[in-house]
């Protein structure tokens, strides 16, 4: 029964982030990197759901806790970024209207990526299947690459100095545990 519940919650999270690509993020073009993310995500969720609904999950309580944490972080990130027009990953025409430093951005510069990574890590742990592990590992690299590209653009833009100061205080994807002022 717990596997079924974890599967339903994982599917709900997946549908939420899928809907957000169209409703919350603003991009004129669906870049090639987003197609890579989409294909890997479909492989990952399919593998996870087969395990959740058919063959069984490993560590379902741990997977559930991580998925719920990802869900909460995603919702918190949406709440604090509604007023800012965020672009999809790899958008070549992305324009920055400011830097978000409140809510989850107070702790991590990329809370959406942290949310996604927590979810895919939960899927990898929950299935212990090579495809889930490969999806998690590849998406982790893709998200880090995208975040580095985004930060490079922010450093060059009109908010460059402000962003560089922000980088010193706040963790890249994982929050900094000790901050020196």
Protein backbone atom coordinates (compact mmCIF):
# COMPACT_ATOMS: atom_id res chain seq x y z
CA UNK A 1 0.00 0.00 0.00
CA UNK A 2 2.84 2.44 0.83
CA UNK A 3 4.36 1.84 -2.62
CA UNK A 4 1.07 2.81 -4.26
CA UNK A 5 0.82 6.01 -2.17
CA UNK A 6 4.43 6.94 -2.98
CA UNK A 7 3.70 6.31 -6.67
CA UNK A 8 0.64 8.55 -6.67
CA UNK A 9 2.50 11.36 -4.88
CA UNK A 10 5.46 11.01 -7.28
CA UNK A 11 3.10 11.21 -10.26
CA UNK A 12 1.43 14.31 -8.77
CA UNK A 13 4.84 16.00 -8.35
CA UNK A 14 5.84 15.07 -11.89
CA UNK A 15 2.58 16.49 -13.29
CA UNK A 16 3.05 19.65 -11.23
CA UNK A 17 6.54 20.34 -12.55
CA UNK A 18 5.37 19.49 -16.07
CA UNK A 19 2.53 22.01 -15.82
CA UNK A 20 4.89 24.63 -14.39
CA UNK A 21 7.04 24.51 -17.53
CA UNK A 22 4.09 25.98 -19.40
CA UNK A 23 2.39 28.07 -16.72
CA UNK A 24 5.05 29.46 -14.39
CA UNK A 25 8.19 29.72 -16.49
CA UNK A 26 8.29 32.10 -19.43
CA UNK A 27 10.24 31.17 -22.53
CA UNK A 28 9.66 31.87 -26.18
CA UNK A 29 11.49 28.76 -27.26
CA UNK A 30 11.74 25.21 -25.89
CA UNK A 31 15.53 24.80 -26.06
CA UNK A 32 17.31 21.54 -26.93
CA UNK A 33 18.42 21.12 -23.31
CA UNK A 34 14.78 21.08 -22.23
CA UNK A 35 14.10 18.22 -24.66
CA UNK A 36 16.94 16.27 -23.03
CA UNK A 37 15.44 16.98 -19.59
CA UNK A 38 11.99 15.95 -20.83
CA UNK A 39 13.12 12.63 -22.33
CA UNK A 40 15.17 11.71 -19.26
CA UNK A 41 12.27 12.71 -17.00
CA UNK A 42 9.83 10.49 -18.90
CA UNK A 43 12.24 7.54 -18.62
CA UNK A 44 12.72 8.26 -14.91
CA UNK A 45 9.05 8.61 -14.00
CA UNK A 46 8.07 5.56 -16.07
CA UNK A 47 10.69 3.42 -14.30
CA UNK A 48 9.64 4.73 -10.90
CA UNK A 49 5.94 4.14 -11.49
CA UNK A 50 6.53 0.59 -12.72
CA UNK A 51 8.33 -0.11 -9.45
CA UNK A 52 5.75 1.72 -7.32
CA UNK A 53 2.71 0.06 -8.91
CA UNK A 54 4.04 -3.33 -10.05
CA UNK A 55 7.37 -4.63 -8.76
CA UNK A 56 7.75 -2.76 -5.47
CA UNK A 57 9.97 0.00 -4.13
CA UNK A 58 13.13 -0.09 -2.06
CA UNK A 59 13.09 2.26 0.92
CA UNK A 60 9.57 3.60 0.20
CA UNK A 61 9.45 5.73 3.37
CA UNK A 62 12.76 7.42 2.51
CA UNK A 63 11.60 7.97 -1.08
CA UNK A 64 8.32 9.41 0.19
CA UNK A 65 10.10 11.80 2.57
CA UNK A 66 12.35 13.08 -0.23
CA UNK A 67 9.45 13.45 -2.67
CA UNK A 68 7.42 15.39 -0.08
CA UNK A 69 10.45 17.62 0.61
CA UNK A 70 10.81 18.21 -3.15
CA UNK A 71 7.08 19.01 -3.37
CA UNK A 72 7.27 21.52 -0.51
CA UNK A 73 10.42 23.18 -1.86
CA UNK A 74 8.89 23.46 -5.32
CA UNK A 75 5.74 25.07 -3.93
CA UNK A 76 7.77 27.45 -1.77
CA UNK A 77 9.86 28.40 -4.81
CA UNK A 78 6.76 29.04 -6.92
CA UNK A 79 5.31 31.25 -4.18
CA UNK A 80 8.41 33.45 -4.03
CA UNK A 81 9.00 33.70 -7.77
CA UNK A 82 5.51 34.57 -9.00
CA UNK A 83 6.40 38.24 -9.54
CA UNK A 84 9.62 37.46 -11.41
CA UNK A 85 9.49 36.17 -14.94
CA UNK A 86 11.80 33.17 -14.76
CA UNK A 87 12.86 31.46 -17.98
CA UNK A 88 13.05 27.74 -18.63
CA UNK A 89 16.47 26.11 -18.44
CA UNK A 90 18.70 26.73 -21.47
CA UNK A 91 16.55 29.58 -22.80
CA UNK A 92 18.89 31.58 -25.06
CA UNK A 93 16.64 34.64 -24.90
CA UNK A 94 16.35 34.75 -21.12
CA UNK A 95 16.12 38.28 -19.69
CA UNK A 96 16.64 38.96 -16.00
CA UNK A 97 14.42 41.50 -14.28
CA UNK A 98 16.06 41.10 -10.89
CA UNK A 99 17.50 38.67 -8.39
CA UNK A 100 15.28 36.76 -6.00
CA UNK A 101 16.85 36.61 -2.52
CA UNK A 102 13.87 35.77 -0.31
CA UNK A 103 12.09 32.51 0.45
CA UNK A 104 14.17 29.49 -0.57
CA UNK A 105 16.60 31.77 -2.46
CA UNK A 106 17.79 32.90 0.94
CA UNK A 107 19.38 29.43 1.32
CA UNK A 108 20.05 28.18 -2.22
CA UNK A 109 20.57 30.03 -5.48
CA UNK A 110 18.70 27.33 -7.40
CA UNK A 111 15.79 25.99 -5.32
CA UNK A 112 13.95 24.61 -8.35
CA UNK A 113 16.97 22.53 -9.32
CA UNK A 114 17.38 21.37 -5.71
CA UNK A 115 13.72 20.30 -5.73
CA UNK A 116 14.16 18.38 -8.98
CA UNK A 117 17.37 16.73 -7.73
CA UNK A 118 15.69 15.64 -4.49
CA UNK A 119 12.86 14.09 -6.51
CA UNK A 120 15.12 12.21 -8.93
CA UNK A 121 17.32 11.07 -6.04
CA UNK A 122 14.18 9.70 -4.36
CA UNK A 123 13.34 7.85 -7.56
CA UNK A 124 16.86 6.39 -7.78
CA UNK A 125 16.76 5.29 -4.14
CA UNK A 126 13.23 3.99 -4.44
CA UNK A 127 13.94 1.76 -7.41
CA UNK A 128 17.70 1.07 -7.14
CA UNK A 129 17.35 0.46 -10.88
CA UNK A 130 20.16 1.34 -13.27
CA UNK A 131 17.88 3.51 -15.43
CA UNK A 132 16.72 5.55 -12.41
CA UNK A 133 20.28 5.96 -11.20
CA UNK A 134 21.39 7.01 -14.70
CA UNK A 135 18.49 9.49 -14.98
CA UNK A 136 19.30 11.02 -11.59
CA UNK A 137 23.04 11.24 -12.34
CA UNK A 138 22.55 12.71 -15.80
CA UNK A 139 19.91 15.21 -14.70
CA UNK A 140 22.11 16.30 -11.80
CA UNK A 141 24.84 17.14 -14.33
CA UNK A 142 22.36 18.82 -16.69
CA UNK A 143 20.88 20.97 -13.89
CA UNK A 144 24.34 21.98 -12.65
CA UNK A 145 25.42 22.86 -16.19
CA UNK A 146 22.26 24.93 -16.72
CA UNK A 147 22.71 26.70 -13.36
CA UNK A 148 26.33 27.56 -14.22
CA UNK A 149 25.21 29.00 -17.57
CA UNK A 150 22.47 31.03 -15.88
CA UNK A 151 24.90 32.37 -13.28
CA UNK A 152 27.43 33.35 -15.94
CA UNK A 153 24.75 35.43 -17.64
CA UNK A 154 23.68 37.00 -14.34
CA UNK A 155 27.28 37.97 -13.54
CA UNK A 156 27.60 39.71 -16.93
CA UNK A 157 24.26 41.51 -16.66
CA UNK A 158 23.13 44.67 -14.94
CA UNK A 159 22.84 42.83 -11.62
CA UNK A 160 26.37 41.39 -11.84
CA UNK A 161 27.92 42.95 -8.73
CA UNK A 162 24.82 42.29 -6.65
CA UNK A 163 24.77 38.69 -7.84
CA UNK A 164 28.45 38.14 -7.05
CA UNK A 165 27.82 39.31 -3.46
CA UNK A 166 24.79 37.03 -3.26
CA UNK A 167 26.91 34.07 -4.46
CA UNK A 168 29.32 34.59 -1.55
CA UNK A 169 26.51 34.20 0.98
CA UNK A 170 24.22 31.56 -0.50
CA UNK A 171 24.92 28.00 -1.63
CA UNK A 172 24.91 27.00 -5.30
CA UNK A 173 22.32 24.21 -5.23
CA UNK A 174 22.89 22.80 -1.77
CA UNK A 175 22.55 25.44 1.00
CA UNK A 176 25.72 26.60 2.71
CA UNK A 177 25.87 25.30 6.24
CA UNK A 178 28.42 27.80 7.51
CA UNK A 179 28.47 31.35 6.19
CA UNK A 180 31.34 33.72 6.85
CA UNK A 181 30.42 37.39 6.71
